[in-house]
Protein backbone atom coordinates (compact mmCIF):
# COMPACT_ATOMS: atom_id res chain seq x y z
CA MET A 1 27.25 -17.86 -18.34
CA ASN A 2 23.99 -16.74 -16.73
CA ALA A 3 20.64 -18.52 -17.08
CA ILE A 4 19.45 -16.37 -19.99
CA GLU A 5 22.71 -16.74 -21.93
CA ALA A 6 22.66 -20.50 -21.40
CA LEU A 7 19.06 -20.75 -22.59
CA LEU A 8 19.66 -18.65 -25.70
CA ASP A 9 22.78 -20.66 -26.49
CA ASP A 10 20.83 -23.93 -26.19
CA ILE A 11 18.11 -22.63 -28.50
CA ALA A 12 20.61 -21.29 -31.05
CA SER A 13 22.60 -24.55 -31.08
CA GLY A 14 19.50 -26.72 -31.46
CA ARG A 15 19.96 -28.47 -28.12
CA ARG A 16 16.53 -27.14 -27.16
CA ARG A 17 13.50 -26.28 -29.29
CA SER A 18 11.19 -24.68 -26.75
CA ILE A 19 10.98 -22.21 -23.87
CA ARG A 20 8.77 -22.75 -20.81
CA ILE A 21 7.23 -19.68 -19.20
CA LEU A 22 5.21 -19.72 -16.00
CA GLY A 23 2.48 -17.08 -15.75
CA ALA A 24 2.19 -16.82 -11.99
CA SER A 25 -0.66 -14.41 -11.47
CA GLY A 26 -3.34 -12.55 -13.40
CA GLN A 27 -2.48 -9.49 -11.33
CA LEU A 28 0.11 -9.74 -8.61
CA GLY A 29 -1.05 -8.54 -5.21
CA TYR A 30 -4.41 -10.29 -4.98
CA GLY A 31 -3.09 -13.68 -3.91
CA ILE A 32 -1.38 -16.53 -5.78
CA PRO A 33 -2.84 -20.02 -5.22
CA ALA A 34 0.10 -21.86 -3.68
CA ALA A 35 -0.52 -25.41 -4.88
CA ALA A 36 -0.72 -24.46 -8.56
CA PHE A 37 2.35 -22.23 -8.30
CA GLU A 38 4.38 -25.01 -6.70
CA ALA A 39 3.21 -27.39 -9.43
CA GLY A 40 4.46 -24.87 -11.96
CA LEU A 41 7.88 -24.70 -10.31
CA ALA A 42 8.08 -28.49 -10.46
CA ARG A 43 7.86 -28.25 -14.25
CA ARG A 44 11.15 -26.32 -14.30
CA PRO A 45 10.13 -23.20 -16.23
CA ASP A 46 12.77 -20.96 -17.82
CA MET A 47 11.15 -17.77 -16.55
CA ILE A 48 8.43 -16.58 -14.19
CA GLY A 49 6.33 -13.62 -15.31
CA CYS A 50 3.76 -11.49 -13.50
CA ASP A 51 1.62 -8.58 -14.58
CA MET A 52 1.02 -6.22 -11.67
CA GLY A 53 -1.18 -3.45 -13.03
CA SER A 54 -3.82 -2.22 -15.41
CA ILE A 55 -6.00 0.78 -16.24
CA ASP A 56 -9.00 -1.43 -15.45
CA ILE A 57 -8.77 -0.13 -11.87
CA GLY A 58 -9.44 3.43 -13.04
CA PRO A 59 -7.44 6.65 -12.75
CA ALA A 60 -7.32 7.04 -8.95
CA TYR A 61 -4.20 4.95 -8.41
CA LEU A 62 -2.19 6.61 -11.17
CA GLY A 63 -3.28 10.01 -9.89
CA SER A 64 -2.68 9.35 -6.20
CA GLY A 65 0.43 7.20 -6.48
CA ARG A 66 -1.17 4.54 -4.27
CA MET A 67 -1.26 0.79 -4.92
CA ALA A 68 -4.60 -0.86 -5.60
CA THR A 69 -3.55 -3.91 -3.60
CA SER A 70 -2.86 -4.15 0.12
CA ARG A 71 0.75 -4.00 1.20
CA ALA A 72 0.49 -7.31 3.04
CA SER A 73 -0.99 -9.21 0.07
CA THR A 74 1.46 -7.62 -2.35
CA LYS A 75 4.40 -8.57 -0.19
CA GLN A 76 3.09 -12.12 0.19
CA ASP A 77 2.81 -12.53 -3.59
CA LEU A 78 6.21 -10.97 -4.23
CA ARG A 79 7.76 -13.31 -1.66
CA ARG A 80 6.22 -16.32 -3.40
CA VAL A 81 7.40 -15.47 -6.91
CA LEU A 82 10.77 -14.13 -5.82
CA GLY A 83 11.48 -17.21 -3.73
CA GLY A 84 10.40 -19.53 -6.54
CA ALA A 85 12.60 -17.81 -9.10
CA ARG A 86 15.66 -17.81 -6.87
CA GLN A 87 15.04 -21.46 -5.96
CA LEU A 88 15.29 -22.40 -9.65
CA GLY A 89 17.86 -19.79 -10.61
CA ILE A 90 15.64 -18.33 -13.33
CA PRO A 91 14.61 -14.74 -14.06
CA LEU A 92 11.54 -13.16 -12.52
CA VAL A 93 9.96 -10.50 -14.74
CA ILE A 94 7.29 -8.12 -13.42
CA GLY A 95 5.51 -5.36 -15.33
CA SER A 96 3.32 -2.37 -14.36
CA ALA A 97 4.74 -2.32 -10.85
CA GLY A 98 2.50 -1.27 -8.02
CA SER A 99 -0.76 -1.17 -10.01
CA ALA A 100 -0.24 1.92 -12.20
CA GLY A 101 3.50 1.83 -12.88
CA ALA A 102 4.44 5.43 -12.02
CA ALA A 103 7.46 6.40 -9.88
CA PRO A 104 5.76 5.94 -6.47
CA HIS A 105 4.34 2.56 -7.54
CA LEU A 106 7.72 1.33 -8.78
CA GLU A 107 9.53 2.55 -5.68
CA GLY A 108 6.94 0.95 -3.41
CA THR A 109 7.41 -2.37 -5.19
CA LEU A 110 11.20 -2.14 -4.99
CA GLU A 111 10.96 -1.39 -1.29
CA LEU A 112 9.00 -4.59 -0.74
CA VAL A 113 11.49 -6.63 -2.77
CA ARG A 114 14.38 -5.27 -0.71
CA GLU A 115 12.53 -6.11 2.52
CA ILE A 116 11.89 -9.66 1.37
CA ALA A 117 15.53 -10.12 0.35
CA ALA A 118 16.69 -9.00 3.79
CA GLU A 119 14.17 -11.17 5.65
CA ASP A 120 14.73 -14.29 3.54
CA GLY A 121 18.49 -14.01 3.01
CA LEU A 122 18.35 -13.64 -0.78
CA SER A 123 21.06 -12.29 -3.07
CA PHE A 124 20.44 -11.30 -6.68
CA THR A 125 20.88 -8.64 -9.32
CA LEU A 126 17.84 -6.41 -9.64
CA ALA A 127 17.04 -4.43 -12.77
CA TYR A 128 14.24 -1.89 -12.81
CA ILE A 129 12.83 0.32 -15.54
CA PRO A 130 10.97 3.56 -14.74
CA ALA A 131 8.08 4.40 -17.05
CA ASP A 132 7.55 8.07 -16.18
CA ILE A 133 7.63 10.37 -19.20
CA SER A 134 8.79 13.94 -18.64
CA ARG A 135 6.39 16.77 -19.36
CA SER A 136 8.96 18.40 -21.63
CA VAL A 137 9.13 15.28 -23.82
CA VAL A 138 5.34 15.13 -24.10
CA LYS A 139 5.05 18.83 -24.88
CA ALA A 140 7.74 18.62 -27.56
CA ALA A 141 5.91 15.73 -29.21
CA LEU A 142 2.65 17.65 -28.96
CA ARG A 143 4.14 20.66 -30.72
CA ASP A 144 5.53 18.40 -33.44
CA GLY A 145 2.13 16.85 -34.07
CA ARG A 146 3.24 13.41 -32.88
CA ILE A 147 0.42 12.80 -30.37
CA ARG A 148 -3.09 11.64 -31.18
CA PRO A 149 -6.02 10.76 -28.90
CA MET A 150 -7.31 7.26 -28.25
CA ASP A 151 -10.96 6.28 -28.27
CA THR A 152 -13.15 9.26 -27.34
CA MET A 153 -10.43 11.36 -25.73
CA PRO A 154 -10.12 14.98 -26.91
CA ASP A 155 -6.94 16.35 -28.45
CA LEU A 156 -4.19 16.76 -25.88
CA LYS A 157 -3.28 20.27 -24.74
CA GLU A 158 -0.24 21.50 -22.87
CA ALA A 159 -2.48 22.43 -19.95
CA ASP A 160 -3.43 18.74 -19.67
CA VAL A 161 0.24 17.83 -19.49
CA ASP A 162 0.84 20.33 -16.69
CA ALA A 163 -2.27 19.25 -14.77
CA ALA A 164 -1.57 15.50 -14.72
CA ALA A 165 -0.36 14.19 -11.37
CA HIS A 166 1.73 11.49 -13.07
CA ILE A 167 2.41 10.67 -16.72
CA VAL A 168 3.59 7.22 -17.74
CA GLY A 169 4.37 5.56 -21.05
CA GLN A 170 3.57 1.93 -21.71
CA MET A 171 6.86 0.21 -22.51
CA GLY A 172 6.95 -2.90 -24.64
CA VAL A 173 9.25 -5.78 -25.59
CA GLU A 174 12.33 -3.62 -26.20
CA ALA A 175 12.74 -2.49 -22.59
CA PHE A 176 12.40 -6.01 -21.18
CA GLN A 177 14.91 -7.35 -23.69
CA ARG A 178 17.49 -4.76 -22.64
CA ALA A 179 17.07 -5.86 -19.05
CA LEU A 180 17.24 -9.57 -19.89
CA ARG A 181 20.43 -9.12 -21.88
CA THR A 182 22.20 -7.83 -18.78
CA GLY A 183 21.58 -11.15 -17.04
CA ALA A 184 19.50 -9.57 -14.27
CA ASP A 185 17.86 -12.08 -11.94
CA VAL A 186 14.83 -9.91 -11.17
CA ILE A 187 13.35 -7.35 -13.55
CA ILE A 188 10.68 -4.92 -12.38
CA ALA A 189 9.22 -2.43 -14.84
CA GLY A 190 6.98 0.55 -14.42
CA ARG A 191 3.93 0.82 -16.67
CA ALA A 192 4.29 -1.82 -19.36
CA CYS A 193 2.39 -3.74 -22.00
CA ASP A 194 1.50 -7.02 -20.35
CA THR A 195 2.60 -8.87 -23.49
CA GLY A 196 6.13 -7.49 -23.21
CA ILE A 197 6.65 -9.30 -19.92
CA PHE A 198 6.17 -12.73 -21.47
CA SER A 199 7.14 -12.30 -25.12
CA ALA A 200 10.53 -10.60 -24.73
CA LEU A 201 12.47 -13.79 -23.98
CA PRO A 202 11.01 -15.97 -26.79
CA ILE A 203 11.57 -13.18 -29.30
CA MET A 204 15.19 -12.82 -28.12
CA ALA A 205 15.59 -16.54 -28.75
CA GLY A 206 14.51 -16.08 -32.36
CA LEU A 207 11.04 -17.58 -32.01
CA PRO A 208 8.28 -16.02 -34.15
CA VAL A 209 7.14 -12.64 -32.88
CA GLY A 210 3.47 -13.27 -33.67
CA LEU A 211 3.40 -16.51 -31.70
CA ALA A 212 5.27 -14.96 -28.77
CA ILE A 213 2.89 -12.01 -28.46
CA HIS A 214 -0.20 -14.20 -28.89
CA MET A 215 1.08 -16.51 -26.16
CA ALA A 216 1.87 -13.53 -23.92
CA LYS A 217 -1.58 -12.04 -24.38
CA ILE A 218 -3.11 -15.22 -23.00
CA VAL A 219 -0.76 -16.19 -20.16
CA GLU A 220 -0.62 -12.71 -18.62
CA CYS A 221 -4.06 -13.53 -17.19
CA ALA A 222 -2.87 -16.87 -15.80
CA SER A 223 -5.63 -19.52 -15.93
CA LEU A 224 -8.41 -17.13 -16.87
CA CYS A 225 -8.31 -18.73 -20.34
CA CYS A 226 -9.42 -22.07 -18.89
CA ARG A 227 -12.68 -23.82 -18.02
CA PRO A 228 -13.56 -22.93 -15.35
CA GLY A 229 -11.46 -19.76 -15.46
CA GLY A 230 -9.29 -18.94 -12.47
CA ARG A 231 -6.20 -17.17 -11.19
CA ASP A 232 -3.97 -20.24 -10.87
CA ALA A 233 -0.54 -20.30 -12.48
CA ILE A 234 -0.36 -21.40 -16.12
CA LEU A 235 2.55 -22.93 -18.05
CA ALA A 236 3.20 -21.94 -21.65
CA THR A 237 5.65 -23.93 -23.76
CA ILE A 238 6.55 -22.13 -26.99
CA ASP A 239 8.59 -23.29 -30.00
CA SER A 240 9.01 -22.15 -33.57
CA GLU A 241 5.68 -23.63 -34.70
CA GLY A 242 3.31 -22.78 -31.86
CA PHE A 243 2.74 -22.86 -28.12
CA GLU A 244 1.04 -25.14 -25.62
CA LEU A 245 -0.99 -24.02 -22.62
CA GLU A 246 -1.64 -25.95 -19.43
CA SER A 247 -3.10 -24.72 -16.16
CA MET A 248 -1.16 -25.81 -13.11
CA ASN A 249 -4.45 -26.46 -11.34
CA PRO A 250 -5.68 -29.93 -12.45
CA GLU A 251 -9.29 -28.77 -12.08
CA ARG A 252 -8.90 -26.23 -14.90
CA ALA A 253 -8.73 -27.09 -18.59
CA ALA A 254 -7.26 -24.97 -21.37
CA THR A 255 -9.57 -26.05 -24.20
CA PRO A 256 -9.50 -24.83 -27.81
CA ALA A 257 -12.76 -22.94 -27.26
CA SER A 258 -11.72 -21.33 -23.98
CA VAL A 259 -8.28 -20.31 -25.29
CA ALA A 260 -9.71 -18.97 -28.55
CA GLY A 261 -12.30 -17.03 -26.59
CA HIS A 262 -9.64 -15.48 -24.38
CA SER A 263 -7.69 -14.40 -27.46
CA LEU A 264 -10.49 -11.84 -27.92
CA TYR A 265 -10.01 -10.47 -24.41
CA GLU A 266 -9.70 -6.66 -24.41
CA GLN A 267 -9.51 -6.57 -28.20
CA ALA A 268 -11.72 -4.30 -30.30
CA ASP A 269 -10.84 -6.36 -33.40
CA PRO A 270 -11.17 -10.14 -32.83
CA PHE A 271 -8.42 -10.83 -35.37
CA THR A 272 -5.84 -8.24 -34.32
CA ILE A 273 -3.66 -7.68 -31.25
CA ARG A 274 -2.15 -4.18 -31.42
CA GLU A 275 1.15 -3.49 -29.69
CA PRO A 276 3.65 -0.60 -29.75
CA ALA A 277 5.88 -2.48 -32.20
CA GLY A 278 3.10 -3.58 -34.54
CA ALA A 279 0.06 -5.81 -34.89
CA VAL A 280 -0.50 -9.55 -34.54
CA ASP A 281 -2.87 -11.04 -37.12
CA LEU A 282 -4.92 -13.95 -35.74
CA SER A 283 -6.80 -14.66 -38.97
CA ASN A 284 -4.96 -17.96 -39.45
CA ALA A 285 -4.69 -18.92 -35.79
CA ARG A 286 -5.42 -22.57 -34.99
CA PHE A 287 -6.45 -23.99 -31.61
CA GLU A 288 -6.02 -27.76 -31.24
CA ALA A 289 -6.64 -29.96 -28.21
CA LEU A 290 -3.64 -32.01 -27.09
CA ASP A 291 -5.75 -33.74 -24.45
CA ALA A 292 -8.61 -32.83 -22.15
CA ARG A 293 -6.63 -30.11 -20.36
CA ARG A 294 -4.07 -28.78 -22.86
CA THR A 295 -4.34 -26.82 -26.07
CA ARG A 296 -1.76 -26.03 -28.75
CA VAL A 297 -2.00 -22.72 -30.62
CA SER A 298 -0.36 -21.78 -33.93
CA GLY A 299 -0.76 -19.48 -36.90
CA ALA A 300 -0.40 -15.94 -35.48
CA GLU A 301 1.53 -13.57 -37.73
CA PHE A 302 3.25 -10.30 -36.82
CA HIS A 303 3.24 -7.13 -38.93
CA PRO A 304 5.65 -4.40 -37.77
CA ALA A 305 4.30 -0.88 -37.34
CA PRO A 306 5.59 1.74 -39.78
CA ARG A 307 6.41 4.02 -36.84
CA GLN A 308 7.18 3.27 -33.20
CA THR A 309 4.58 4.52 -30.76
CA ILE A 310 3.81 4.30 -27.07
CA LYS A 311 0.60 4.87 -25.17
CA LEU A 312 0.66 7.75 -22.68
CA GLU A 313 -1.47 7.68 -19.54
CA GLY A 314 -2.04 10.55 -17.15
CA ALA A 315 -4.55 11.32 -14.41
CA VAL A 316 -5.67 14.64 -12.99
CA ALA A 317 -7.39 15.43 -9.69
CA ILE A 318 -10.96 16.68 -10.19
CA GLY A 319 -12.06 17.22 -6.59
CA SER A 320 -13.24 15.15 -3.64
CA ARG A 321 -15.82 12.39 -3.72
CA ALA A 322 -18.30 11.26 -1.07
CA VAL A 323 -21.02 8.65 -1.45
CA LEU A 324 -24.27 7.66 0.23
CA LEU A 325 -25.16 3.95 0.48
CA CYS A 326 -28.80 3.12 1.13
CA ALA A 327 -31.73 0.99 -0.01
CA ALA A 328 -35.49 1.18 -0.29
CA ALA A 329 -38.28 -1.40 -0.17
CA ASP A 330 -41.34 0.88 -0.02
CA PRO A 331 -43.37 0.17 -3.20
CA SER A 332 -44.69 3.73 -3.35
CA PHE A 333 -41.20 5.18 -3.01
CA ILE A 334 -39.79 2.84 -5.65
CA HIS A 335 -42.64 3.60 -8.05
CA ARG A 336 -41.87 7.33 -7.82
CA ILE A 337 -38.10 7.15 -7.35
CA ALA A 338 -37.11 8.93 -10.56
CA GLY A 339 -39.10 11.98 -9.55
CA VAL A 340 -37.91 11.73 -5.95
CA VAL A 341 -34.20 11.89 -6.79
CA ASP A 342 -34.82 14.79 -9.18
CA ARG A 343 -36.65 16.68 -6.42
CA ILE A 344 -33.96 15.94 -3.85
CA LYS A 345 -31.33 17.57 -6.04
CA ASP A 346 -33.34 20.80 -5.96
CA VAL A 347 -33.91 20.53 -2.21
CA VAL A 348 -30.23 19.97 -1.46
CA ARG A 349 -29.11 22.76 -3.76
CA ASP A 350 -31.40 25.26 -2.03
CA LEU A 351 -30.15 24.14 1.39
CA VAL A 352 -26.39 24.02 0.87
CA CYS A 353 -25.98 26.80 -1.69
CA GLU A 354 -28.69 29.35 -0.79
CA ASN A 355 -27.68 32.26 -3.04
CA ALA A 356 -24.20 30.96 -3.91
CA PRO A 357 -23.38 29.15 -7.19
CA GLU A 358 -23.68 25.35 -7.22
CA ASP A 359 -20.08 24.15 -6.84
CA TYR A 360 -20.61 20.38 -6.76
CA GLN A 361 -22.12 17.54 -8.78
CA LEU A 362 -24.75 15.29 -7.22
CA ALA A 363 -25.79 12.10 -8.99
CA PHE A 364 -27.64 8.88 -8.17
CA ARG A 365 -27.23 5.32 -9.41
CA LEU A 366 -30.30 3.16 -8.88
CA TYR A 367 -29.44 -0.53 -8.77
CA GLY A 368 -32.41 -2.78 -9.44
CA ILE A 369 -34.16 -0.42 -11.85
CA ASP A 370 -33.48 -0.32 -15.59
CA GLY A 371 -30.97 -3.13 -15.28
CA VAL A 372 -31.42 -6.84 -15.89
CA ARG A 373 -35.03 -7.65 -15.09
CA PRO A 374 -37.84 -10.13 -16.03
CA LEU A 375 -39.79 -9.70 -19.24
CA ASP A 376 -42.63 -7.21 -19.19
CA VAL A 377 -46.05 -8.66 -18.35
CA ASP A 378 -48.74 -7.36 -20.71
CA GLY A 379 -46.45 -4.50 -21.66
CA VAL A 380 -46.02 -3.29 -18.06
CA PRO A 381 -42.57 -3.72 -16.51
CA PRO A 382 -42.71 -5.33 -13.07
CA SER A 383 -41.71 -3.17 -10.12
CA PRO A 384 -38.70 -4.43 -8.15
CA HIS A 385 -39.27 -5.37 -4.53
CA GLU A 386 -36.28 -3.33 -3.43
CA VAL A 387 -33.64 -1.05 -4.90
CA PHE A 388 -30.17 0.04 -3.87
CA ILE A 389 -29.40 3.74 -4.11
CA LEU A 390 -25.87 5.00 -4.54
CA GLY A 391 -25.63 8.76 -4.18
CA GLU A 392 -22.43 10.43 -5.29
CA CYS A 393 -21.13 13.95 -4.76
CA LEU A 394 -18.10 15.42 -6.44
CA ALA A 395 -17.06 18.70 -4.81
CA PRO A 396 -14.02 20.98 -4.51
CA ASN A 397 -12.98 19.61 -1.09
CA PRO A 398 -13.87 16.77 1.35
CA GLU A 399 -15.81 19.03 3.70
CA ARG A 400 -18.09 20.26 0.93
CA ALA A 401 -18.63 16.76 -0.46
CA MET A 402 -19.64 15.41 2.94
CA GLN A 403 -21.88 18.41 3.62
CA VAL A 404 -23.82 17.71 0.44
CA MET A 405 -23.98 13.99 1.07
CA ARG A 406 -25.18 14.29 4.66
CA THR A 407 -27.85 16.77 3.66
CA THR A 408 -28.89 14.47 0.83
CA LYS A 409 -29.17 11.54 3.23
CA GLN A 410 -31.41 13.35 5.66
CA TYR A 411 -33.81 14.83 3.14
CA LEU A 412 -33.98 11.74 0.94
CA LEU A 413 -34.79 9.76 4.09
CA HIS A 414 -37.71 11.99 5.03
CA LEU A 415 -38.85 13.50 1.75
CA GLY A 416 -42.62 13.50 1.45
CA PHE A 417 -44.24 12.38 -1.79
CA GLU A 418 -47.70 11.58 -3.07
CA GLY A 419 -48.84 8.19 -1.82
CA ARG A 420 -46.37 8.07 1.08
CA MET A 421 -47.63 5.81 3.87
CA SER A 422 -44.76 5.76 6.35
CA THR A 423 -43.35 8.87 8.00
CA ALA A 424 -40.59 6.93 9.75
CA GLY A 425 -38.36 7.12 6.72
CA ASN A 426 -37.97 6.12 3.09
CA LEU A 427 -34.61 4.38 3.34
CA ALA A 428 -32.74 1.52 4.98
CA PHE A 429 -29.03 1.80 5.69
CA PRO A 430 -26.63 -1.18 5.63
CA PHE A 431 -24.40 0.49 8.23
CA THR A 432 -23.83 3.81 9.93
CA PRO A 433 -22.61 6.29 8.96
CA PRO A 434 -24.04 5.66 5.49
CA GLU A 435 -22.11 8.61 4.08
CA VAL A 436 -18.54 7.72 3.15
CA ASP A 437 -15.70 10.08 2.28
CA LEU A 438 -13.81 8.47 -0.63
CA GLY A 439 -11.14 11.17 -0.74
CA PRO A 440 -9.64 12.70 -3.89
CA ALA A 441 -11.25 11.87 -7.21
CA TYR A 442 -9.38 11.60 -10.50
CA ARG A 443 -10.02 11.17 -14.19
CA PHE A 444 -7.79 10.20 -17.08
CA ASN A 445 -6.82 13.39 -18.88
CA ILE A 446 -4.04 11.76 -20.93
CA TYR A 447 -4.86 8.60 -22.84
CA HIS A 448 -3.04 9.22 -26.09
CA ILE A 449 -0.62 7.67 -28.56
CA MET A 450 2.79 9.30 -28.99
CA GLU A 451 5.08 8.62 -31.95
CA VAL A 452 8.71 8.17 -30.87
CA ASP A 453 12.07 7.95 -32.60
CA ASP A 454 14.20 6.46 -29.81
CA ILE A 455 12.03 4.34 -27.56
CA SER A 456 14.92 3.10 -25.41
CA SER A 457 15.77 6.61 -24.22
CA LEU A 458 12.31 6.95 -22.66
CA PHE A 459 12.72 3.92 -20.42
CA PRO A 460 16.16 4.00 -18.74
CA LEU A 461 17.47 0.78 -17.22
CA ARG A 462 18.76 0.78 -13.62
CA HIS A 463 20.54 -1.97 -11.67
CA GLU A 464 21.11 -2.84 -8.04
CA LYS A 465 23.09 -5.65 -6.48
CA ILE A 466 21.14 -6.94 -3.50
CA ASP A 467 22.92 -9.20 -1.06
CA SER A 468 21.59 -11.39 1.72
CA ILE A 469 22.03 -8.79 4.46
CA ASN A 470 20.15 -6.14 2.45
CA GLN A 471 23.20 -4.18 1.37
CA VAL A 472 22.10 -2.50 -1.86
CA ASN A 473 24.74 -1.21 -4.24
CA ALA A 474 23.87 0.67 -7.39
CA VAL A 475 25.87 -0.77 -10.29
CA ALA A 476 24.32 1.05 -13.26
């Protein structure tokens, strides 16, 4: 009997009432505070969970297939959670592998896990779940009228499907439960709902779905729900009536107010958590202090969706981006800066295009103006002492983007204007070169909901047996 089977048997027989889940990291790959994680292991959790990705980082990582985190930091975090889980003989569950959860992100994460196993002499069964959705599946759903846009996205077109560099679907509880039922020691999923990572096991054990998802929504961010908020590991203990939260850092407190506040995190509706399988109603949620550092939560109720859906995400390349980083402290320049940047766009266009069409976009962000500032004095807004100027060019290729940015730098530096006192230059640069090539630029072109009939077929489960000398054998 494996660890999951033994736990479920104990819950079913009444020998245990609760499940302990350790949320190890708000996003794996940025560092896991060691002391809090070790304190969490000492509490003998039944499972360790980690979210590894998000769309908060923008479309570039999904489009490019690169990780948002450094390889060294990601490997360090993976080593910590993998070693802790194997030390206790409990499952490790990771979702949204490699930042964006597409095939290259998942494979990069698996590669690191295999390296760690070989270096540390670990043996375990690995289950992984790709999240890539085929273009043919998306197009078929589109033709059947089963795809609708989210937020302000336009209706999806087949050309968008063809243009996307990668397309992923956000898997939920069902995929993680399939993996857990196989007794896998380590489960790594592609793009996934963060709640699925942590709620799958409690729901399998028959605990209330609403409570499990509410708990998962909070612990996926580790100790961010505490005062003061942080990234330290958090322990959730859930039973049939509610769940308790405790940061593993003694300097952080999960209070009723801080936990209730975090329940609103990333939610458009403060009383509803929407998931692929349905919605969690928080109208009757209660947050009660157990002591100065722990809070117990109850009352969440789950309402199944009438139709299964998944969120699709896709990113398309839109050119190359270069930026200019500079600042200004000349009062005359700052006073006239809106007109200056408008003029510089015309100057640059005439220089780099001559008689050819304008094939780039040039924009400026002025930090220190029209942001947070003191109250007006006698109706006149005070002028800032200095401003930071971020120039951005989006062009068809890197050479064109840098050409525009370098020309912009030189003429913005020396542009004459009424009231100018210094001819030495209008700008200060924090370093040289101040123009930076940021490489390919992307945007989300797929951010849509797709209705599905058989959700399990979209997220196939794969297994490997990894032994201590890094011999990997596919078993399913």
